Amino acid sequence: MDWLQTIFLALLQGLTEFLPISSSAHLILPAQLFGWVDQGLAFDVAVHVGTLGAVMLYFRHDVINMTRAWFGSVFKQQHTEDSRLAWYVILGTIPVGLAGLLLGGVIEDHLRSTLVIAVTTLLFGFGLWLAESRFKHQRDIASLRIRDVLCIGVAQALALIPGTSRSGVTMMMAMMLGMTRTAAARFSFLLSIPVILLAGSLKILELGQSSEPVLWAHLLLGTFIAFISAYLCIDWFLKALEKIGMLPFVFYRLFLGIILLLFFV
């Protein structure tokens, strides 16, 4: 793995982790175009650490308040909006955790193909268009109820299928439930914290059983680039979302899906 590959893939991962355009779809193209070999498990861990650090830093006040409130609700029976949101993040993570345990092997063996990624990129691109154009967006996070969280959590579990986009499918479902774009994005990003943490932890366990060499300089650079690019991406996306809406990402997904079908399947 050379320096150009390190920089490019870390930047790509940081930018696509939180935009509704699917990071897995984008990671196919460099390998196909440039003939790059797989970046390796250690690098996957490094960029996961970078993106996790970015979202936790950006939402640090929310994370601190939610954590304190959650402990208060557990040990002191003090229930607040922050504790309720913390419980909802936990509840919304359960479906993807169960799906990963039960179906992870099936997905890994049978669904990690360019055809699947192209189809899901197109399919959920249309879904995002429906959420943007056919539903009213009036609700905020405070209006979330258990039923809403379960629906969003089940949608998040679908993101185990490559090409779906975790952020895209959770925002899509939240908007279909009537949430504003900003509220949908904020809840999606908060939901990403335990998911990225769990995925990164699994990769670390796998890495502990692997004998592949570790290029520490490349990993540190990859972590840093993924962290910076993800942080800037979150900041830009949340500021621009109400102005530009989801349609630019819909068009981009449709274009990318067609390119994958025509040239890489």
C-alpha atoms as a PDB file:
ATOM      1  CA  MET A   1       0.000   0.000   0.000  1.00  0.00           C
ATOM      2  CA  ASP A   2       1.650   3.251  -1.131  1.00  0.00           C
ATOM      3  CA  TRP A   3       1.195   6.788   0.151  1.00  0.00           C
ATOM      4  CA  LEU A   4      -1.144   7.856  -2.667  1.00  0.00           C
ATOM      5  CA  GLN A   5      -3.475   4.945  -1.915  1.00  0.00           C
ATOM      6  CA  THR A   6      -3.370   5.755   1.797  1.00  0.00           C
ATOM      7  CA  ILE A   7      -4.292   9.410   1.284  1.00  0.00           C
ATOM      8  CA  PHE A   8      -6.945   8.760  -1.343  1.00  0.00           C
ATOM      9  CA  LEU A   9      -8.756   5.945   0.468  1.00  0.00           C
ATOM     10  CA  ALA A  10      -8.680   7.696   3.856  1.00  0.00           C
ATOM     11  CA  LEU A  11     -10.084  10.854   2.280  1.00  0.00           C
ATOM     12  CA  LEU A  12     -12.723   8.852   0.442  1.00  0.00           C
ATOM     13  CA  GLN A  13     -13.751   6.996   3.594  1.00  0.00           C
ATOM     14  CA  GLY A  14     -13.947  10.174   5.648  1.00  0.00           C
ATOM     15  CA  LEU A  15     -16.117  11.950   3.086  1.00  0.00           C
ATOM     16  CA  THR A  16     -18.460   9.083   2.229  1.00  0.00           C
ATOM     17  CA  GLU A  17     -19.002   7.687   5.748  1.00  0.00           C
ATOM     18  CA  PHE A  18     -21.545  10.370   6.624  1.00  0.00           C
ATOM     19  CA  LEU A  19     -22.914  11.470   3.245  1.00  0.00           C
ATOM     20  CA  PRO A  20     -25.898   9.464   1.922  1.00  0.00           C
ATOM     21  CA  ILE A  21     -23.940   8.066  -1.030  1.00  0.00           C
ATOM     22  CA  SER A  22     -22.454   4.746   0.237  1.00  0.00           C
ATOM     23  CA  SER A  23     -18.795   4.378   1.130  1.00  0.00           C
ATOM     24  CA  SER A  24     -18.652   0.757  -0.125  1.00  0.00           C
ATOM     25  CA  ALA A  25     -19.727   1.824  -3.623  1.00  0.00           C
ATOM     26  CA  HIS A  26     -16.884   4.318  -3.759  1.00  0.00           C
ATOM     27  CA  LEU A  27     -14.213   1.987  -2.452  1.00  0.00           C
ATOM     28  CA  ILE A  28     -14.819  -0.342  -5.414  1.00  0.00           C
ATOM     29  CA  LEU A  29     -13.940   2.229  -8.048  1.00  0.00           C
ATOM     30  CA  PRO A  30     -10.302   3.002  -7.096  1.00  0.00           C
ATOM     31  CA  ALA A  31      -9.448  -0.703  -6.970  1.00  0.00           C
ATOM     32  CA  GLN A  32     -11.065  -1.234 -10.384  1.00  0.00           C
ATOM     33  CA  LEU A  33      -9.601   1.868 -12.016  1.00  0.00           C
ATOM     34  CA  PHE A  34      -6.087   1.751 -10.576  1.00  0.00           C
ATOM     35  CA  GLY A  35      -5.695  -1.976  -9.925  1.00  0.00           C
ATOM     36  CA  TRP A  36      -5.054  -1.391  -6.222  1.00  0.00           C
ATOM     37  CA  VAL A  37      -4.879  -4.360  -3.921  1.00  0.00           C
ATOM     38  CA  ASP A  38      -7.089  -4.543  -0.841  1.00  0.00           C
ATOM     39  CA  GLN A  39      -5.999  -1.974   1.724  1.00  0.00           C
ATOM     40  CA  GLY A  40      -6.001  -4.519   4.518  1.00  0.00           C
ATOM     41  CA  LEU A  41      -7.746  -4.948   7.841  1.00  0.00           C
ATOM     42  CA  ALA A  42      -5.408  -2.677   9.792  1.00  0.00           C
ATOM     43  CA  PHE A  43      -6.186   0.235   7.498  1.00  0.00           C
ATOM     44  CA  ASP A  44      -9.928  -0.387   7.875  1.00  0.00           C
ATOM     45  CA  VAL A  45      -9.486  -0.143  11.648  1.00  0.00           C
ATOM     46  CA  ALA A  46      -7.501   3.080  11.303  1.00  0.00           C
ATOM     47  CA  VAL A  47     -10.077   4.913   9.198  1.00  0.00           C
ATOM     48  CA  HIS A  48     -12.898   3.685  11.462  1.00  0.00           C
ATOM     49  CA  VAL A  49     -11.048   5.231  14.413  1.00  0.00           C
ATOM     50  CA  GLY A  50     -10.712   8.463  12.455  1.00  0.00           C
ATOM     51  CA  THR A  51     -14.396   8.735  11.535  1.00  0.00           C
ATOM     52  CA  LEU A  52     -15.494   7.745  15.040  1.00  0.00           C
ATOM     53  CA  GLY A  53     -13.293  10.454  16.517  1.00  0.00           C
ATOM     54  CA  ALA A  54     -14.745  13.009  14.096  1.00  0.00           C
ATOM     55  CA  VAL A  55     -18.408  12.353  14.898  1.00  0.00           C
ATOM     56  CA  MET A  56     -17.756  12.175  18.645  1.00  0.00           C
ATOM     57  CA  LEU A  57     -15.841  15.451  18.594  1.00  0.00           C
ATOM     58  CA  TYR A  58     -18.472  17.215  16.514  1.00  0.00           C
ATOM     59  CA  PHE A  59     -21.309  16.054  18.752  1.00  0.00           C
ATOM     60  CA  ARG A  60     -19.233  16.133  21.944  1.00  0.00           C
ATOM     61  CA  HIS A  61     -21.743  18.276  23.862  1.00  0.00           C
ATOM     62  CA  ASP A  62     -24.616  15.981  22.887  1.00  0.00           C
ATOM     63  CA  VAL A  63     -22.571  12.889  23.774  1.00  0.00           C
ATOM     64  CA  ILE A  64     -21.559  14.265  27.173  1.00  0.00           C
ATOM     65  CA  ASN A  65     -25.080  15.435  28.024  1.00  0.00           C
ATOM     66  CA  MET A  66     -26.663  12.180  26.833  1.00  0.00           C
ATOM     67  CA  THR A  67     -24.153  10.057  28.752  1.00  0.00           C
ATOM     68  CA  ARG A  68     -24.672  11.964  31.993  1.00  0.00           C
ATOM     69  CA  ALA A  69     -28.431  11.905  31.570  1.00  0.00           C
ATOM     70  CA  TRP A  70     -28.424   8.185  30.772  1.00  0.00           C
ATOM     71  CA  PHE A  71     -26.553   7.353  33.983  1.00  0.00           C
ATOM     72  CA  GLY A  72     -28.951   9.639  35.848  1.00  0.00           C
ATOM     73  CA  SER A  73     -31.923   7.749  34.426  1.00  0.00           C
ATOM     74  CA  VAL A  74     -30.394   4.383  35.360  1.00  0.00           C
ATOM     75  CA  PHE A  75     -29.190   5.117  38.888  1.00  0.00           C
ATOM     76  CA  LYS A  76     -31.342   8.055  40.007  1.00  0.00           C
ATOM     77  CA  GLN A  77     -34.496   7.541  37.937  1.00  0.00           C
ATOM     78  CA  GLN A  78     -34.092  11.072  36.573  1.00  0.00           C
ATOM     79  CA  HIS A  79     -35.571  11.141  33.081  1.00  0.00           C
ATOM     80  CA  THR A  80     -34.870  14.029  30.713  1.00  0.00           C
ATOM     81  CA  GLU A  81     -34.909  14.686  26.981  1.00  0.00           C
ATOM     82  CA  ASP A  82     -31.200  13.820  26.857  1.00  0.00           C
ATOM     83  CA  SER A  83     -31.668  10.517  28.683  1.00  0.00           C
ATOM     84  CA  ARG A  84     -34.563   9.632  26.393  1.00  0.00           C
ATOM     85  CA  LEU A  85     -32.425  10.373  23.341  1.00  0.00           C
ATOM     86  CA  ALA A  86     -29.624   8.236  24.756  1.00  0.00           C
ATOM     87  CA  TRP A  87     -32.015   5.315  25.231  1.00  0.00           C
ATOM     88  CA  TYR A  88     -33.305   5.816  21.700  1.00  0.00           C
ATOM     89  CA  VAL A  89     -29.771   5.641  20.292  1.00  0.00           C
ATOM     90  CA  ILE A  90     -29.264   2.369  22.167  1.00  0.00           C
ATOM     91  CA  LEU A  91     -32.623   1.027  20.987  1.00  0.00           C
ATOM     92  CA  GLY A  92     -31.935   2.052  17.394  1.00  0.00           C
ATOM     93  CA  THR A  93     -28.628   0.166  17.447  1.00  0.00           C
ATOM     94  CA  ILE A  94     -30.116  -3.181  18.524  1.00  0.00           C
ATOM     95  CA  PRO A  95     -31.533  -4.200  15.096  1.00  0.00           C
ATOM     96  CA  VAL A  96     -28.229  -3.724  13.273  1.00  0.00           C
ATOM     97  CA  GLY A  97     -26.364  -5.549  16.052  1.00  0.00           C
ATOM     98  CA  LEU A  98     -28.710  -8.539  15.839  1.00  0.00           C
ATOM     99  CA  ALA A  99     -28.656  -8.535  12.040  1.00  0.00           C
ATOM    100  CA  GLY A 100     -24.869  -8.435  12.051  1.00  0.00           C
ATOM    101  CA  LEU A 101     -24.646 -11.419  14.400  1.00  0.00           C
ATOM    102  CA  LEU A 102     -27.265 -13.478  12.559  1.00  0.00           C
ATOM    103  CA  LEU A 103     -26.615 -12.534   8.933  1.00  0.00           C
ATOM    104  CA  GLY A 104     -23.074 -11.157   8.849  1.00  0.00           C
ATOM    105  CA  GLY A 105     -21.640 -14.340   7.380  1.00  0.00           C
ATOM    106  CA  VAL A 106     -24.304 -14.573   4.676  1.00  0.00           C
ATOM    107  CA  ILE A 107     -23.783 -10.960   3.661  1.00  0.00           C
ATOM    108  CA  GLU A 108     -19.996 -11.352   3.634  1.00  0.00           C
ATOM    109  CA  ASP A 109     -20.150 -14.502   1.488  1.00  0.00           C
ATOM    110  CA  HIS A 110     -22.926 -13.668  -0.956  1.00  0.00           C
ATOM    111  CA  LEU A 111     -23.688  -9.938  -1.118  1.00  0.00           C
ATOM    112  CA  ARG A 112     -20.292  -8.261  -1.430  1.00  0.00           C
ATOM    113  CA  SER A 113     -20.413  -8.005  -5.220  1.00  0.00           C
ATOM    114  CA  THR A 114     -20.330  -5.078  -7.619  1.00  0.00           C
ATOM    115  CA  LEU A 115     -23.779  -6.031  -8.928  1.00  0.00           C
ATOM    116  CA  VAL A 116     -25.328  -5.899  -5.450  1.00  0.00           C
ATOM    117  CA  ILE A 117     -23.652  -2.563  -4.703  1.00  0.00           C
ATOM    118  CA  ALA A 118     -24.826  -1.087  -8.023  1.00  0.00           C
ATOM    119  CA  VAL A 119     -28.425  -2.246  -7.462  1.00  0.00           C
ATOM    120  CA  THR A 120     -28.616  -1.012  -3.864  1.00  0.00           C
ATOM    121  CA  THR A 121     -27.010   2.296  -4.839  1.00  0.00           C
ATOM    122  CA  LEU A 122     -29.804   2.815  -7.371  1.00  0.00           C
ATOM    123  CA  LEU A 123     -32.619   1.360  -5.254  1.00  0.00           C
ATOM    124  CA  PHE A 124     -31.938   3.460  -2.175  1.00  0.00           C
ATOM    125  CA  GLY A 125     -31.249   6.461  -4.376  1.00  0.00           C
ATOM    126  CA  PHE A 126     -34.893   6.228  -5.473  1.00  0.00           C
ATOM    127  CA  GLY A 127     -35.884   5.727  -1.836  1.00  0.00           C
ATOM    128  CA  LEU A 128     -34.071   8.907  -0.867  1.00  0.00           C
ATOM    129  CA  TRP A 129     -35.876  10.740  -3.667  1.00  0.00           C
ATOM    130  CA  LEU A 130     -39.241   9.526  -2.351  1.00  0.00           C
ATOM    131  CA  ALA A 131     -38.334  10.629   1.188  1.00  0.00           C
ATOM    132  CA  GLU A 132     -37.307  14.053  -0.109  1.00  0.00           C
ATOM    133  CA  SER A 133     -40.200  14.732  -2.457  1.00  0.00           C
ATOM    134  CA  ARG A 134     -43.220  12.771  -1.232  1.00  0.00           C
ATOM    135  CA  PHE A 135     -43.247  13.341   2.526  1.00  0.00           C
ATOM    136  CA  LYS A 136     -43.705  16.382   4.742  1.00  0.00           C
ATOM    137  CA  HIS A 137     -40.736  17.244   6.950  1.00  0.00           C
ATOM    138  CA  GLN A 138     -42.005  18.933  10.103  1.00  0.00           C
ATOM    139  CA  ARG A 139     -40.955  16.875  13.123  1.00  0.00           C
ATOM    140  CA  ASP A 140     -37.874  17.426  15.273  1.00  0.00           C
ATOM    141  CA  ILE A 141     -35.905  14.971  17.396  1.00  0.00           C
ATOM    142  CA  ALA A 142     -38.001  15.744  20.464  1.00  0.00           C
ATOM    143  CA  SER A 143     -41.014  14.221  18.692  1.00  0.00           C
ATOM    144  CA  LEU A 144     -39.347  10.814  18.262  1.00  0.00           C
ATOM    145  CA  ARG A 145     -41.205   7.858  19.722  1.00  0.00           C
ATOM    146  CA  ILE A 146     -40.240   4.217  20.200  1.00  0.00           C
ATOM    147  CA  ARG A 147     -42.021   3.150  17.011  1.00  0.00           C
ATOM    148  CA  ASP A 148     -40.047   5.725  15.009  1.00  0.00           C
ATOM    149  CA  VAL A 149     -36.751   4.629  16.502  1.00  0.00           C
ATOM    150  CA  LEU A 150     -37.454   0.969  15.757  1.00  0.00           C
ATOM    151  CA  CYS A 151     -38.291   1.801  12.142  1.00  0.00           C
ATOM    152  CA  ILE A 152     -35.069   3.789  11.775  1.00  0.00           C
ATOM    153  CA  GLY A 153     -33.130   1.027  13.541  1.00  0.00           C
ATOM    154  CA  VAL A 154     -34.480  -1.638  11.175  1.00  0.00           C
ATOM    155  CA  ALA A 155     -33.602   0.589   8.232  1.00  0.00           C
ATOM    156  CA  GLN A 156     -30.083   0.921   9.637  1.00  0.00           C
ATOM    157  CA  ALA A 157     -29.785  -2.871   9.679  1.00  0.00           C
ATOM    158  CA  LEU A 158     -30.341  -2.833   5.900  1.00  0.00           C
ATOM    159  CA  ALA A 159     -27.098  -0.872   5.612  1.00  0.00           C
ATOM    160  CA  LEU A 160     -25.214  -4.117   6.246  1.00  0.00           C
ATOM    161  CA  ILE A 161     -25.940  -4.785   2.571  1.00  0.00           C
ATOM    162  CA  PRO A 162     -23.095  -3.097   0.657  1.00  0.00           C
ATOM    163  CA  GLY A 163     -24.098  -0.031  -1.348  1.00  0.00           C
ATOM    164  CA  THR A 164     -27.054   0.875   0.866  1.00  0.00           C
ATOM    165  CA  SER A 165     -25.364   3.679   2.882  1.00  0.00           C
ATOM    166  CA  ARG A 166     -25.998   3.676   6.615  1.00  0.00           C
ATOM    167  CA  SER A 167     -26.440   7.430   6.804  1.00  0.00           C
ATOM    168  CA  GLY A 168     -28.568   7.469   3.653  1.00  0.00           C
ATOM    169  CA  VAL A 169     -31.022   4.779   4.704  1.00  0.00           C
ATOM    170  CA  THR A 170     -31.482   6.103   8.249  1.00  0.00           C
ATOM    171  CA  MET A 171     -32.067   9.644   7.022  1.00  0.00           C
ATOM    172  CA  MET A 172     -34.429   8.284   4.371  1.00  0.00           C
ATOM    173  CA  MET A 173     -36.550   6.474   6.958  1.00  0.00           C
ATOM    174  CA  ALA A 174     -36.503   9.401   9.394  1.00  0.00           C
ATOM    175  CA  MET A 175     -37.684  11.773   6.656  1.00  0.00           C
ATOM    176  CA  MET A 176     -40.408   9.316   5.622  1.00  0.00           C
ATOM    177  CA  LEU A 177     -41.558   9.475   9.246  1.00  0.00           C
ATOM    178  CA  GLY A 178     -41.906  13.247   8.866  1.00  0.00           C
ATOM    179  CA  MET A 179     -38.663  14.485  10.414  1.00  0.00           C
ATOM    180  CA  THR A 180     -36.913  17.553   9.053  1.00  0.00           C
ATOM    181  CA  ARG A 181     -33.748  16.981   7.067  1.00  0.00           C
ATOM    182  CA  THR A 182     -31.576  18.426   9.831  1.00  0.00           C
ATOM    183  CA  ALA A 183     -33.257  16.382  12.583  1.00  0.00           C
ATOM    184  CA  ALA A 184     -32.966  13.225  10.465  1.00  0.00           C
ATOM    185  CA  ALA A 185     -29.279  13.874   9.824  1.00  0.00           C
ATOM    186  CA  ARG A 186     -28.522  14.666  13.466  1.00  0.00           C
ATOM    187  CA  PHE A 187     -30.200  11.492  14.734  1.00  0.00           C
ATOM    188  CA  SER A 188     -28.488   9.472  12.000  1.00  0.00           C
ATOM    189  CA  PHE A 189     -25.086  10.799  13.041  1.00  0.00           C
ATOM    190  CA  LEU A 190     -25.734  10.088  16.719  1.00  0.00           C
ATOM    191  CA  LEU A 191     -26.801   6.555  15.761  1.00  0.00           C
ATOM    192  CA  SER A 192     -23.533   6.129  13.886  1.00  0.00           C
ATOM    193  CA  ILE A 193     -21.441   6.384  17.065  1.00  0.00           C
ATOM    194  CA  PRO A 194     -22.258   2.961  18.589  1.00  0.00           C
ATOM    195  CA  VAL A 195     -22.369   1.370  15.125  1.00  0.00           C
ATOM    196  CA  ILE A 196     -18.907   2.579  14.129  1.00  0.00           C
ATOM    197  CA  LEU A 197     -17.649   1.680  17.607  1.00  0.00           C
ATOM    198  CA  LEU A 198     -19.003  -1.875  17.291  1.00  0.00           C
ATOM    199  CA  ALA A 199     -17.726  -2.305  13.737  1.00  0.00           C
ATOM    200  CA  GLY A 200     -14.308  -0.966  14.690  1.00  0.00           C
ATOM    201  CA  SER A 201     -14.138  -3.237  17.735  1.00  0.00           C
ATOM    202  CA  LEU A 202     -14.902  -6.289  15.600  1.00  0.00           C
ATOM    203  CA  LYS A 203     -12.205  -5.303  13.145  1.00  0.00           C
ATOM    204  CA  ILE A 204      -9.739  -4.861  16.007  1.00  0.00           C
ATOM    205  CA  LEU A 205     -10.546  -8.392  17.222  1.00  0.00           C
ATOM    206  CA  GLU A 206     -10.016  -9.704  13.688  1.00  0.00           C
ATOM    207  CA  LEU A 207      -6.781  -7.758  13.443  1.00  0.00           C
ATOM    208  CA  GLY A 208      -5.551  -9.386  16.657  1.00  0.00           C
ATOM    209  CA  GLN A 209      -5.904 -12.766  14.972  1.00  0.00           C
ATOM    210  CA  SER A 210      -4.297 -11.621  11.737  1.00  0.00           C
ATOM    211  CA  SER A 211      -0.647 -11.934  10.809  1.00  0.00           C
ATOM    212  CA  GLU A 212      -0.620  -9.154   8.229  1.00  0.00           C
ATOM    213  CA  PRO A 213       2.165  -6.567   8.631  1.00  0.00           C
ATOM    214  CA  VAL A 214       1.259  -3.229  10.179  1.00  0.00           C
ATOM    215  CA  LEU A 215       2.539  -0.084   8.448  1.00  0.00           C
ATOM    216  CA  TRP A 216       2.166   2.339  11.331  1.00  0.00           C
ATOM    217  CA  ALA A 217       3.053   5.493   9.408  1.00  0.00           C
ATOM    218  CA  HIS A 218       0.369   4.754   6.809  1.00  0.00           C
ATOM    219  CA  LEU A 219      -2.179   3.931   9.524  1.00  0.00           C
ATOM    220  CA  LEU A 220      -1.540   7.143  11.452  1.00  0.00           C
ATOM    221  CA  LEU A 221      -1.819   9.221   8.285  1.00  0.00           C
ATOM    222  CA  GLY A 222      -4.995   7.382   7.279  1.00  0.00           C
ATOM    223  CA  THR A 223      -6.543   7.958  10.718  1.00  0.00           C
ATOM    224  CA  PHE A 224      -5.712  11.657  10.639  1.00  0.00           C
ATOM    225  CA  ILE A 225      -7.027  12.219   7.097  1.00  0.00           C
ATOM    226  CA  ALA A 226     -10.221  10.249   7.787  1.00  0.00           C
ATOM    227  CA  PHE A 227     -10.743  12.256  10.994  1.00  0.00           C
ATOM    228  CA  ILE A 228     -10.273  15.684   9.358  1.00  0.00           C
ATOM    229  CA  SER A 229     -12.266  14.900   6.222  1.00  0.00           C
ATOM    230  CA  ALA A 230     -15.141  13.316   8.176  1.00  0.00           C
ATOM    231  CA  TYR A 231     -15.328  16.248  10.611  1.00  0.00           C
ATOM    232  CA  LEU A 232     -15.398  18.826   7.806  1.00  0.00           C
ATOM    233  CA  CYS A 233     -17.921  16.735   5.912  1.00  0.00           C
ATOM    234  CA  ILE A 234     -20.323  16.559   8.870  1.00  0.00           C
ATOM    235  CA  ASP A 235     -20.012  20.309   9.437  1.00  0.00           C
ATOM    236  CA  TRP A 236     -20.631  21.164   5.772  1.00  0.00           C
ATOM    237  CA  PHE A 237     -23.486  18.681   5.383  1.00  0.00           C
ATOM    238  CA  LEU A 238     -25.463  19.911   8.385  1.00  0.00           C
ATOM    239  CA  LYS A 239     -25.032  23.558   7.350  1.00  0.00           C
ATOM    240  CA  ALA A 240     -25.919  22.967   3.701  1.00  0.00           C
ATOM    241  CA  LEU A 241     -28.670  20.367   4.048  1.00  0.00           C
ATOM    242  CA  GLU A 242     -31.683  22.654   4.449  1.00  0.00           C
ATOM    243  CA  LYS A 243     -30.503  24.747   1.489  1.00  0.00           C
ATOM    244  CA  ILE A 244     -29.652  22.022  -1.009  1.00  0.00           C
ATOM    245  CA  GLY A 245     -31.895  19.182   0.182  1.00  0.00           C
ATOM    246  CA  MET A 246     -31.305  15.542  -0.741  1.00  0.00           C
ATOM    247  CA  LEU A 247     -31.774  15.749  -4.503  1.00  0.00           C
ATOM    248  CA  PRO A 248     -28.077  16.342  -5.345  1.00  0.00           C
ATOM    249  CA  PHE A 249     -27.241  13.109  -3.514  1.00  0.00           C
ATOM    250  CA  VAL A 250     -30.117  11.305  -5.247  1.00  0.00           C
ATOM    251  CA  PHE A 251     -28.803  12.308  -8.681  1.00  0.00           C
ATOM    252  CA  TYR A 252     -25.276  11.380  -7.682  1.00  0.00           C
ATOM    253  CA  ARG A 253     -26.361   7.924  -6.476  1.00  0.00           C
ATOM    254  CA  LEU A 254     -28.276   7.273  -9.681  1.00  0.00           C
ATOM    255  CA  PHE A 255     -25.281   8.336 -11.770  1.00  0.00           C
ATOM    256  CA  LEU A 256     -22.891   6.200  -9.720  1.00  0.00           C
ATOM    257  CA  GLY A 257     -25.178   3.161  -9.836  1.00  0.00           C
ATOM    258  CA  ILE A 258     -25.492   3.383 -13.617  1.00  0.00           C
ATOM    259  CA  ILE A 259     -21.711   3.730 -14.001  1.00  0.00           C
ATOM    260  CA  LEU A 260     -21.176   0.638 -11.855  1.00  0.00           C
ATOM    261  CA  LEU A 261     -23.737  -1.369 -13.868  1.00  0.00           C
ATOM    262  CA  LEU A 262     -22.396  -0.313 -17.237  1.00  0.00           C
ATOM    263  CA  PHE A 263     -18.669  -0.586 -16.674  1.00  0.00           C
ATOM    264  CA  PHE A 264     -17.905  -2.702 -13.597  1.00  0.00           C
ATOM    265  CA  VAL A 265     -20.495  -5.504 -13.460  1.00  0.00           C
END
